[in-house]
Amino acid sequence: MTLEKVFKQYRAEVAINCAAETHVDRSILDPGGFARTDVLGTAVLLEQARKAGVTRFLQVSTDEVYGSL
């Protein structure tokens, strides 16, 4: 089932994006895979949510985006 159909069938008002490639270190070995999942995947989800009239979008991330403690 496509995202468009899911949003329509369930009349979603909120979207939560928890999908991402794990282990940032692996992004060095396959940056394209990370870009497809993390950037393009998020863009597709945002666009479908916008088209469906979703009013809230929560983007979940990891502590790795903040760098070393």
PDB file of N, CA and C in Angstrom:
ATOM      1  N   MET A   1       0.848  -1.169   0.000  1.00  0.00           N
ATOM      2  CA  MET A   1       0.000   0.000   0.000  1.00  0.00           C
ATOM      3  C   MET A   1       0.902   1.244   0.000  1.00  0.00           C
ATOM      4  N   THR A   2       0.557   2.223  -0.808  1.00  0.00           N
ATOM      5  CA  THR A   2       1.365   3.444  -0.884  1.00  0.00           C
ATOM      6  C   THR A   2       1.029   4.390   0.270  1.00  0.00           C
ATOM      7  N   LEU A   3       1.930   5.325   0.515  1.00  0.00           N
ATOM      8  CA  LEU A   3       1.677   6.318   1.560  1.00  0.00           C
ATOM      9  C   LEU A   3       0.400   7.099   1.297  1.00  0.00           C
ATOM     10  N   GLU A   4       0.172   7.444   0.041  1.00  0.00           N
ATOM     11  CA  GLU A   4      -1.033   8.196  -0.309  1.00  0.00           C
ATOM     12  C   GLU A   4      -2.283   7.430   0.131  1.00  0.00           C
ATOM     13  N   LYS A   5      -2.321   6.138  -0.152  1.00  0.00           N
ATOM     14  CA  LYS A   5      -3.473   5.313   0.222  1.00  0.00           C
ATOM     15  C   LYS A   5      -3.592   5.191   1.743  1.00  0.00           C
ATOM     16  N   VAL A   6      -2.472   5.048   2.420  1.00  0.00           N
ATOM     17  CA  VAL A   6      -2.493   4.932   3.883  1.00  0.00           C
ATOM     18  C   VAL A   6      -3.068   6.199   4.502  1.00  0.00           C
ATOM     19  N   PHE A   7      -2.579   7.359   4.063  1.00  0.00           N
ATOM     20  CA  PHE A   7      -3.089   8.618   4.606  1.00  0.00           C
ATOM     21  C   PHE A   7      -4.584   8.775   4.341  1.00  0.00           C
ATOM     22  N   LYS A   8      -5.029   8.396   3.151  1.00  0.00           N
ATOM     23  CA  LYS A   8      -6.455   8.509   2.825  1.00  0.00           C
ATOM     24  C   LYS A   8      -7.295   7.516   3.627  1.00  0.00           C
ATOM     25  N   GLN A   9      -6.861   6.264   3.667  1.00  0.00           N
ATOM     26  CA  GLN A   9      -7.644   5.226   4.341  1.00  0.00           C
ATOM     27  C   GLN A   9      -7.823   5.522   5.824  1.00  0.00           C
ATOM     28  N   TYR A  10      -6.753   5.983   6.472  1.00  0.00           N
ATOM     29  CA  TYR A  10      -6.812   6.196   7.921  1.00  0.00           C
ATOM     30  C   TYR A  10      -7.080   7.649   8.301  1.00  0.00           C
ATOM     31  N   ARG A  11      -7.249   8.510   7.303  1.00  0.00           N
ATOM     32  CA  ARG A  11      -7.523   9.936   7.534  1.00  0.00           C
ATOM     33  C   ARG A  11      -6.585  10.509   8.592  1.00  0.00           C
ATOM     34  N   ALA A  12      -5.313  10.329   8.382  1.00  0.00           N
ATOM     35  CA  ALA A  12      -4.293  10.726   9.351  1.00  0.00           C
ATOM     36  C   ALA A  12      -4.277  12.235   9.567  1.00  0.00           C
ATOM     37  N   GLU A  13      -4.136  12.633  10.804  1.00  0.00           N
ATOM     38  CA  GLU A  13      -3.976  14.039  11.163  1.00  0.00           C
ATOM     39  C   GLU A  13      -2.554  14.317  11.622  1.00  0.00           C
ATOM     40  N   VAL A  14      -1.843  13.251  11.988  1.00  0.00           N
ATOM     41  CA  VAL A  14      -0.489  13.362  12.517  1.00  0.00           C
ATOM     42  C   VAL A  14       0.392  12.329  11.833  1.00  0.00           C
ATOM     43  N   ALA A  15       1.641  12.703  11.558  1.00  0.00           N
ATOM     44  CA  ALA A  15       2.624  11.756  11.016  1.00  0.00           C
ATOM     45  C   ALA A  15       3.866  11.795  11.894  1.00  0.00           C
ATOM     46  N   ILE A  16       4.413  10.637  12.171  1.00  0.00           N
ATOM     47  CA  ILE A  16       5.641  10.527  12.957  1.00  0.00           C
ATOM     48  C   ILE A  16       6.656   9.766  12.122  1.00  0.00           C
ATOM     49  N   ASN A  17       7.792  10.383  11.877  1.00  0.00           N
ATOM     50  CA  ASN A  17       8.834   9.741  11.084  1.00  0.00           C
ATOM     51  C   ASN A  17       9.943   9.236  12.002  1.00  0.00           C
ATOM     52  N   CYS A  18       9.982   7.925  12.186  1.00  0.00           N
ATOM     53  CA  CYS A  18      11.028   7.285  12.992  1.00  0.00           C
ATOM     54  C   CYS A  18      12.007   6.518  12.101  1.00  0.00           C
ATOM     55  N   ALA A  19      11.786   6.555  10.809  1.00  0.00           N
ATOM     56  CA  ALA A  19      12.612   5.772   9.891  1.00  0.00           C
ATOM     57  C   ALA A  19      13.927   6.482   9.600  1.00  0.00           C
ATOM     58  N   ALA A  20      14.987   5.746   9.662  1.00  0.00           N
ATOM     59  CA  ALA A  20      16.312   6.278   9.327  1.00  0.00           C
ATOM     60  C   ALA A  20      17.299   5.125   9.266  1.00  0.00           C
ATOM     61  N   GLU A  21      18.348   5.338   8.516  1.00  0.00           N
ATOM     62  CA  GLU A  21      19.455   4.389   8.539  1.00  0.00           C
ATOM     63  C   GLU A  21      20.136   4.510   9.895  1.00  0.00           C
ATOM     64  N   THR A  22      20.586   3.397  10.409  1.00  0.00           N
ATOM     65  CA  THR A  22      21.237   3.413  11.719  1.00  0.00           C
ATOM     66  C   THR A  22      22.748   3.455  11.577  1.00  0.00           C
ATOM     67  N   HIS A  23      23.404   3.723  12.668  1.00  0.00           N
ATOM     68  CA  HIS A  23      24.866   3.718  12.747  1.00  0.00           C
ATOM     69  C   HIS A  23      25.477   4.682  11.728  1.00  0.00           C
ATOM     70  N   VAL A  24      25.553   5.923  12.124  1.00  0.00           N
ATOM     71  CA  VAL A  24      26.049   6.982  11.257  1.00  0.00           C
ATOM     72  C   VAL A  24      27.405   6.632  10.658  1.00  0.00           C
ATOM     73  N   ASP A  25      28.229   5.881  11.366  1.00  0.00           N
ATOM     74  CA  ASP A  25      29.544   5.495  10.835  1.00  0.00           C
ATOM     75  C   ASP A  25      29.420   4.778   9.494  1.00  0.00           C
ATOM     76  N   ARG A  26      28.336   4.024   9.307  1.00  0.00           N
ATOM     77  CA  ARG A  26      28.148   3.305   8.043  1.00  0.00           C
ATOM     78  C   ARG A  26      27.846   4.246   6.883  1.00  0.00           C
ATOM     79  N   SER A  27      27.445   5.473   7.182  1.00  0.00           N
ATOM     80  CA  SER A  27      27.153   6.429   6.113  1.00  0.00           C
ATOM     81  C   SER A  27      28.396   6.747   5.293  1.00  0.00           C
ATOM     82  N   ILE A  28      29.560   6.544   5.877  1.00  0.00           N
ATOM     83  CA  ILE A  28      30.813   6.766   5.147  1.00  0.00           C
ATOM     84  C   ILE A  28      30.975   5.708   4.061  1.00  0.00           C
ATOM     85  N   LEU A  29      30.540   4.497   4.348  1.00  0.00           N
ATOM     86  CA  LEU A  29      30.653   3.409   3.380  1.00  0.00           C
ATOM     87  C   LEU A  29      29.589   3.479   2.290  1.00  0.00           C
ATOM     88  N   ASP A  30      28.400   3.979   2.624  1.00  0.00           N
ATOM     89  CA  ASP A  30      27.308   4.041   1.653  1.00  0.00           C
ATOM     90  C   ASP A  30      26.511   5.335   1.828  1.00  0.00           C
ATOM     91  N   PRO A  31      27.089   6.475   1.456  1.00  0.00           N
ATOM     92  CA  PRO A  31      26.382   7.748   1.640  1.00  0.00           C
ATOM     93  C   PRO A  31      25.099   7.830   0.819  1.00  0.00           C
ATOM     94  N   GLY A  32      25.058   7.177  -0.335  1.00  0.00           N
ATOM     95  CA  GLY A  32      23.856   7.196  -1.166  1.00  0.00           C
ATOM     96  C   GLY A  32      22.674   6.549  -0.480  1.00  0.00           C
ATOM     97  N   GLY A  33      22.913   5.431   0.179  1.00  0.00           N
ATOM     98  CA  GLY A  33      21.855   4.737   0.908  1.00  0.00           C
ATOM     99  C   GLY A  33      21.290   5.598   2.021  1.00  0.00           C
ATOM    100  N   PHE A  34      22.169   6.267   2.737  1.00  0.00           N
ATOM    101  CA  PHE A  34      21.720   7.156   3.803  1.00  0.00           C
ATOM    102  C   PHE A  34      20.923   8.324   3.247  1.00  0.00           C
ATOM    103  N   ALA A  35      21.374   8.893   2.143  1.00  0.00           N
ATOM    104  CA  ALA A  35      20.663  10.023   1.534  1.00  0.00           C
ATOM    105  C   ALA A  35      19.281   9.594   1.056  1.00  0.00           C
ATOM    106  N   ARG A  36      19.193   8.412   0.439  1.00  0.00           N
ATOM    107  CA  ARG A  36      17.889   7.935  -0.038  1.00  0.00           C
ATOM    108  C   ARG A  36      16.912   7.745   1.112  1.00  0.00           C
ATOM    109  N   THR A  37      17.362   7.100   2.168  1.00  0.00           N
ATOM    110  CA  THR A  37      16.472   6.820   3.289  1.00  0.00           C
ATOM    111  C   THR A  37      16.175   8.068   4.110  1.00  0.00           C
ATOM    112  N   ASP A  38      17.226   8.745   4.534  1.00  0.00           N
ATOM    113  CA  ASP A  38      17.060   9.827   5.496  1.00  0.00           C
ATOM    114  C   ASP A  38      16.565  11.130   4.863  1.00  0.00           C
ATOM    115  N   VAL A  39      17.026  11.445   3.667  1.00  0.00           N
ATOM    116  CA  VAL A  39      16.638  12.710   3.039  1.00  0.00           C
ATOM    117  C   VAL A  39      15.454  12.512   2.096  1.00  0.00           C
ATOM    118  N   LEU A  40      15.626  11.651   1.111  1.00  0.00           N
ATOM    119  CA  LEU A  40      14.555  11.439   0.141  1.00  0.00           C
ATOM    120  C   LEU A  40      13.324  10.812   0.801  1.00  0.00           C
ATOM    121  N   GLY A  41      13.539   9.846   1.668  1.00  0.00           N
ATOM    122  CA  GLY A  41      12.420   9.210   2.361  1.00  0.00           C
ATOM    123  C   GLY A  41      11.618  10.203   3.193  1.00  0.00           C
ATOM    124  N   THR A  42      12.312  11.098   3.885  1.00  0.00           N
ATOM    125  CA  THR A  42      11.631  12.126   4.668  1.00  0.00           C
ATOM    126  C   THR A  42      10.889  13.092   3.764  1.00  0.00           C
ATOM    127  N   ALA A  43      11.494  13.467   2.642  1.00  0.00           N
ATOM    128  CA  ALA A  43      10.836  14.379   1.699  1.00  0.00           C
ATOM    129  C   ALA A  43       9.553  13.764   1.146  1.00  0.00           C
ATOM    130  N   VAL A  44       9.588  12.493   0.809  1.00  0.00           N
ATOM    131  CA  VAL A  44       8.390  11.806   0.296  1.00  0.00           C
ATOM    132  C   VAL A  44       7.299  11.786   1.368  1.00  0.00           C
ATOM    133  N   LEU A  45       7.675  11.445   2.588  1.00  0.00           N
ATOM    134  CA  LEU A  45       6.704  11.407   3.680  1.00  0.00           C
ATOM    135  C   LEU A  45       6.110  12.794   3.944  1.00  0.00           C
ATOM    136  N   LEU A  46       6.955  13.818   3.963  1.00  0.00           N
ATOM    137  CA  LEU A  46       6.463  15.188   4.166  1.00  0.00           C
ATOM    138  C   LEU A  46       5.482  15.598   3.073  1.00  0.00           C
ATOM    139  N   GLU A  47       5.805  15.302   1.827  1.00  0.00           N
ATOM    140  CA  GLU A  47       4.939  15.691   0.713  1.00  0.00           C
ATOM    141  C   GLU A  47       3.590  14.968   0.779  1.00  0.00           C
ATOM    142  N   GLN A  48       3.603  13.689   1.078  1.00  0.00           N
ATOM    143  CA  GLN A  48       2.347  12.946   1.181  1.00  0.00           C
ATOM    144  C   GLN A  48       1.524  13.441   2.373  1.00  0.00           C
ATOM    145  N   ALA A  49       2.196  13.767   3.462  1.00  0.00           N
ATOM    146  CA  ALA A  49       1.497  14.297   4.633  1.00  0.00           C
ATOM    147  C   ALA A  49       0.863  15.649   4.296  1.00  0.00           C
ATOM    148  N   ARG A  50       1.583  16.487   3.574  1.00  0.00           N
ATOM    149  CA  ARG A  50       1.063  17.795   3.170  1.00  0.00           C
ATOM    150  C   ARG A  50      -0.175  17.629   2.297  1.00  0.00           C
ATOM    151  N   LYS A  51      -0.081  16.743   1.299  1.00  0.00           N
ATOM    152  CA  LYS A  51      -1.202  16.510   0.392  1.00  0.00           C
ATOM    153  C   LYS A  51      -2.429  15.974   1.131  1.00  0.00           C
ATOM    154  N   ALA A  52      -2.207  15.204   2.182  1.00  0.00           N
ATOM    155  CA  ALA A  52      -3.308  14.601   2.932  1.00  0.00           C
ATOM    156  C   ALA A  52      -3.875  15.550   3.988  1.00  0.00           C
ATOM    157  N   GLY A  53      -3.261  16.713   4.148  1.00  0.00           N
ATOM    158  CA  GLY A  53      -3.756  17.671   5.135  1.00  0.00           C
ATOM    159  C   GLY A  53      -3.334  17.372   6.559  1.00  0.00           C
ATOM    160  N   VAL A  54      -2.244  16.628   6.718  1.00  0.00           N
ATOM    161  CA  VAL A  54      -1.736  16.321   8.052  1.00  0.00           C
ATOM    162  C   VAL A  54      -1.367  17.629   8.747  1.00  0.00           C
ATOM    163  N   THR A  55      -1.795  17.778   9.983  1.00  0.00           N
ATOM    164  CA  THR A  55      -1.583  19.036  10.701  1.00  0.00           C
ATOM    165  C   THR A  55      -0.360  19.033  11.605  1.00  0.00           C
ATOM    166  N   ARG A  56       0.167  17.855  11.914  1.00  0.00           N
ATOM    167  CA  ARG A  56       1.367  17.762  12.764  1.00  0.00           C
ATOM    168  C   ARG A  56       2.302  16.705  12.211  1.00  0.00           C
ATOM    169  N   PHE A  57       3.596  17.026  12.242  1.00  0.00           N
ATOM    170  CA  PHE A  57       4.619  16.108  11.744  1.00  0.00           C
ATOM    171  C   PHE A  57       5.738  16.085  12.772  1.00  0.00           C
ATOM    172  N   LEU A  58       5.999  14.921  13.327  1.00  0.00           N
ATOM    173  CA  LEU A  58       7.059  14.772  14.316  1.00  0.00           C
ATOM    174  C   LEU A  58       8.227  14.039  13.675  1.00  0.00           C
ATOM    175  N   GLN A  59       9.389  14.663  13.673  1.00  0.00           N
ATOM    176  CA  GLN A  59      10.602  14.067  13.130  1.00  0.00           C
ATOM    177  C   GLN A  59      11.449  13.571  14.293  1.00  0.00           C
ATOM    178  N   VAL A  60      11.640  12.265  14.379  1.00  0.00           N
ATOM    179  CA  VAL A  60      12.420  11.666  15.449  1.00  0.00           C
ATOM    180  C   VAL A  60      13.848  11.459  14.944  1.00  0.00           C
ATOM    181  N   SER A  61      14.802  11.691  15.804  1.00  0.00           N
ATOM    182  CA  SER A  61      16.199  11.527  15.424  1.00  0.00           C
ATOM    183  C   SER A  61      16.937  10.797  16.540  1.00  0.00           C
ATOM    184  N   THR A  62      18.237  10.719  16.409  1.00  0.00           N
ATOM    185  CA  THR A  62      19.056  10.064  17.430  1.00  0.00           C
ATOM    186  C   THR A  62      19.986  11.089  18.054  1.00  0.00           C
ATOM    187  N   ASP A  63      20.610  10.683  19.128  1.00  0.00           N
ATOM    188  CA  ASP A  63      21.566  11.574  19.787  1.00  0.00           C
ATOM    189  C   ASP A  63      22.808  11.809  18.931  1.00  0.00           C
ATOM    190  N   GLU A  64      23.028  10.950  17.935  1.00  0.00           N
ATOM    191  CA  GLU A  64      24.220  11.076  17.091  1.00  0.00           C
ATOM    192  C   GLU A  64      24.233  12.360  16.263  1.00  0.00           C
ATOM    193  N   VAL A  65      23.083  12.972  16.039  1.00  0.00           N
ATOM    194  CA  VAL A  65      23.046  14.202  15.243  1.00  0.00           C
ATOM    195  C   VAL A  65      23.662  15.377  15.995  1.00  0.00           C
ATOM    196  N   TYR A  66      23.828  15.236  17.323  1.00  0.00           N
ATOM    197  CA  TYR A  66      24.371  16.317  18.119  1.00  0.00           C
ATOM    198  C   TYR A  66      25.886  16.240  18.270  1.00  0.00           C
ATOM    199  N   GLY A  67      26.488  15.199  17.748  1.00  0.00           N
ATOM    200  CA  GLY A  67      27.942  15.060  17.855  1.00  0.00           C
ATOM    201  C   GLY A  67      28.354  14.417  19.176  1.00  0.00           C
ATOM    202  N   SER A  68      29.665  14.441  19.453  1.00  0.00           N
ATOM    203  CA  SER A  68      30.140  13.821  20.686  1.00  0.00           C
ATOM    204  C   SER A  68      29.832  14.655  21.911  1.00  0.00           C
ATOM    205  N   LEU A  69      29.604  13.938  22.976  1.00  0.00           N
ATOM    206  CA  LEU A  69      29.342  14.611  24.250  1.00  0.00           C
ATOM    207  C   LEU A  69      30.654  15.067  24.823  1.00  0.00           C
TER     208      LEU A  69
END
